[in-house]
């Protein structure tokens, strides 16, 4: 019979961590970063935080060039030849995380975040809250 502790289960099957950070719209700062693991009981995050007062951002499971966790709402800087040069926000679209990339002729397309991380080594340069960027 196979017996695994929770931590070893994550390592064996390479599951990503479910980590969230909470932005307070009123206070204009992050008020919490927390994981769902290690909790005895689970509560839906919207029961703890009012969506009109807080923005809940999820960890994508990927890290930038410097090893920092990439969250939904982070701003990435990278260059893809003939495509993107500069900063783009991380969004959740169509069931995955990624960025809207613009080419030289202003054609826009969605690129999956894992492709961006593996091919272009992006760096986190801020969040959408730094300059009130609207996605």
Protein backbone atom coordinates (compact mmCIF):
# COMPACT_ATOMS: atom_id res chain seq x y z
CA UNK A 1 0.00 0.00 0.00
CA UNK A 2 1.34 3.42 -0.96
CA UNK A 3 1.47 5.93 1.86
CA UNK A 4 2.44 9.53 1.20
CA UNK A 5 2.57 12.61 3.30
CA UNK A 6 1.06 15.69 1.68
CA UNK A 7 4.41 17.42 1.05
CA UNK A 8 5.90 14.39 -0.68
CA UNK A 9 2.79 14.04 -2.84
CA UNK A 10 3.38 17.54 -4.22
CA UNK A 11 7.02 16.79 -5.01
CA UNK A 12 6.31 13.46 -6.70
CA UNK A 13 3.54 14.74 -8.95
CA UNK A 14 4.99 18.24 -9.43
CA UNK A 15 1.78 20.04 -8.49
CA UNK A 16 1.96 23.78 -8.20
CA UNK A 17 1.25 25.65 -5.01
CA UNK A 18 -2.03 27.52 -4.67
CA UNK A 19 -0.82 30.85 -3.35
CA UNK A 20 -2.83 34.04 -3.44
CA UNK A 21 -2.04 37.65 -2.73
CA UNK A 22 -4.72 40.12 -1.76
CA UNK A 23 -4.66 43.79 -2.88
CA UNK A 24 -6.70 46.25 -0.81
CA UNK A 25 -8.30 48.78 -3.14
CA UNK A 26 -8.98 51.11 -0.20
CA UNK A 27 -5.50 50.89 1.38
CA UNK A 28 -3.70 50.64 -2.00
CA UNK A 29 -1.34 47.90 -0.82
CA UNK A 30 -1.08 44.13 -0.56
CA UNK A 31 -2.62 43.07 2.72
CA UNK A 32 -1.93 39.34 2.58
CA UNK A 33 -0.13 36.58 0.72
CA UNK A 34 -1.31 33.13 1.74
CA UNK A 35 -1.41 29.51 0.67
CA UNK A 36 -4.41 27.21 0.86
CA UNK A 37 -2.17 24.38 2.04
CA UNK A 38 -1.86 23.69 5.72
CA UNK A 39 -5.38 24.93 6.47
CA UNK A 40 -7.62 22.63 8.45
CA UNK A 41 -10.77 23.93 6.83
CA UNK A 42 -11.25 25.63 3.51
CA UNK A 43 -13.16 28.87 3.09
CA UNK A 44 -13.82 30.42 -0.29
CA UNK A 45 -11.66 33.55 -0.55
CA UNK A 46 -14.63 35.70 -1.56
CA UNK A 47 -16.18 34.93 1.84
CA UNK A 48 -13.13 36.46 3.54
CA UNK A 49 -12.57 39.36 1.15
CA UNK A 50 -15.17 41.58 -0.49
CA UNK A 51 -14.45 41.74 -4.24
CA UNK A 52 -15.52 45.41 -4.25
CA UNK A 53 -12.76 46.19 -1.73
CA UNK A 54 -10.08 43.63 -2.61
CA UNK A 55 -8.45 42.08 -5.66
CA UNK A 56 -7.47 38.43 -5.33
CA UNK A 57 -4.47 37.44 -7.49
CA UNK A 58 -3.32 33.86 -7.95
CA UNK A 59 0.24 32.55 -8.27
CA UNK A 60 0.69 31.15 -11.79
CA UNK A 61 3.01 28.35 -10.73
CA UNK A 62 5.88 29.93 -12.71
CA UNK A 63 8.83 32.12 -11.75
CA UNK A 64 10.56 34.94 -13.60
CA UNK A 65 14.22 35.12 -14.65
CA UNK A 66 15.23 36.12 -11.09
CA UNK A 67 13.25 33.33 -9.42
CA UNK A 68 10.39 35.54 -8.22
CA UNK A 69 6.90 34.05 -8.25
CA UNK A 70 4.76 35.38 -11.10
CA UNK A 71 1.23 36.31 -10.04
CA UNK A 72 -1.77 37.30 -12.08
CA UNK A 73 -1.50 41.10 -12.36
CA UNK A 74 2.30 41.24 -12.44
CA UNK A 75 3.96 43.30 -15.17
CA UNK A 76 6.61 41.40 -17.14
CA UNK A 77 9.38 42.86 -19.27
CA UNK A 78 10.82 40.77 -22.10
CA UNK A 79 11.65 40.97 -25.78
CA UNK A 80 10.46 38.62 -28.50
CA UNK A 81 11.94 39.42 -31.91
CA UNK A 82 9.39 41.04 -34.27
CA UNK A 83 6.79 40.85 -31.55
CA UNK A 84 6.85 42.22 -28.03
CA UNK A 85 9.36 44.67 -26.66
CA UNK A 86 8.59 46.06 -23.26
CA UNK A 87 6.13 45.58 -20.45
CA UNK A 88 2.92 43.55 -20.46
CA UNK A 89 0.55 42.46 -17.67
CA UNK A 90 -0.08 38.81 -16.80
CA UNK A 91 -3.74 37.91 -17.31
CA UNK A 92 -5.95 34.82 -17.02
CA UNK A 93 -7.65 34.10 -20.34
CA UNK A 94 -9.13 31.01 -21.92
CA UNK A 95 -8.18 28.73 -19.04
CA UNK A 96 -4.52 29.72 -18.74
CA UNK A 97 -2.20 32.53 -17.70
CA UNK A 98 -0.42 34.58 -20.32
CA UNK A 99 0.08 38.00 -21.91
CA UNK A 100 -1.34 39.88 -24.86
CA UNK A 101 1.56 40.32 -27.28
CA UNK A 102 1.67 42.98 -30.00
CA UNK A 103 3.74 42.67 -33.16
CA UNK A 104 5.27 45.43 -35.30
CA UNK A 105 2.00 45.89 -37.23
CA UNK A 106 -0.09 46.19 -34.01
CA UNK A 107 -1.53 42.66 -34.39
CA UNK A 108 -2.40 41.34 -30.91
CA UNK A 109 -2.38 37.72 -29.79
CA UNK A 110 -2.46 35.80 -26.51
CA UNK A 111 0.71 33.90 -25.57
CA UNK A 112 0.70 31.27 -22.85
CA UNK A 113 2.84 32.25 -19.86
CA UNK A 114 4.79 28.98 -19.80
CA UNK A 115 5.91 29.66 -23.39
CA UNK A 116 7.02 33.19 -22.43
CA UNK A 117 8.96 31.95 -19.38
CA UNK A 118 10.68 29.12 -21.27
CA UNK A 119 11.61 31.12 -24.37
CA UNK A 120 12.07 34.77 -23.34
CA UNK A 121 13.15 34.82 -19.66
CA UNK A 122 10.87 37.65 -18.48
CA UNK A 123 11.50 39.81 -15.43
CA UNK A 124 8.83 41.15 -13.10
CA UNK A 125 9.02 44.95 -13.14
CA UNK A 126 5.89 45.77 -11.13
CA UNK A 127 2.19 45.09 -10.82
CA UNK A 128 -0.92 46.50 -12.42
CA UNK A 129 -1.49 48.42 -9.17
CA UNK A 130 1.76 50.38 -9.39
CA UNK A 131 0.41 52.77 -12.01
CA UNK A 132 -3.29 51.86 -11.97
CA UNK A 133 -2.96 49.95 -15.23
CA UNK A 134 -6.33 48.80 -16.56
CA UNK A 135 -6.37 45.49 -18.40
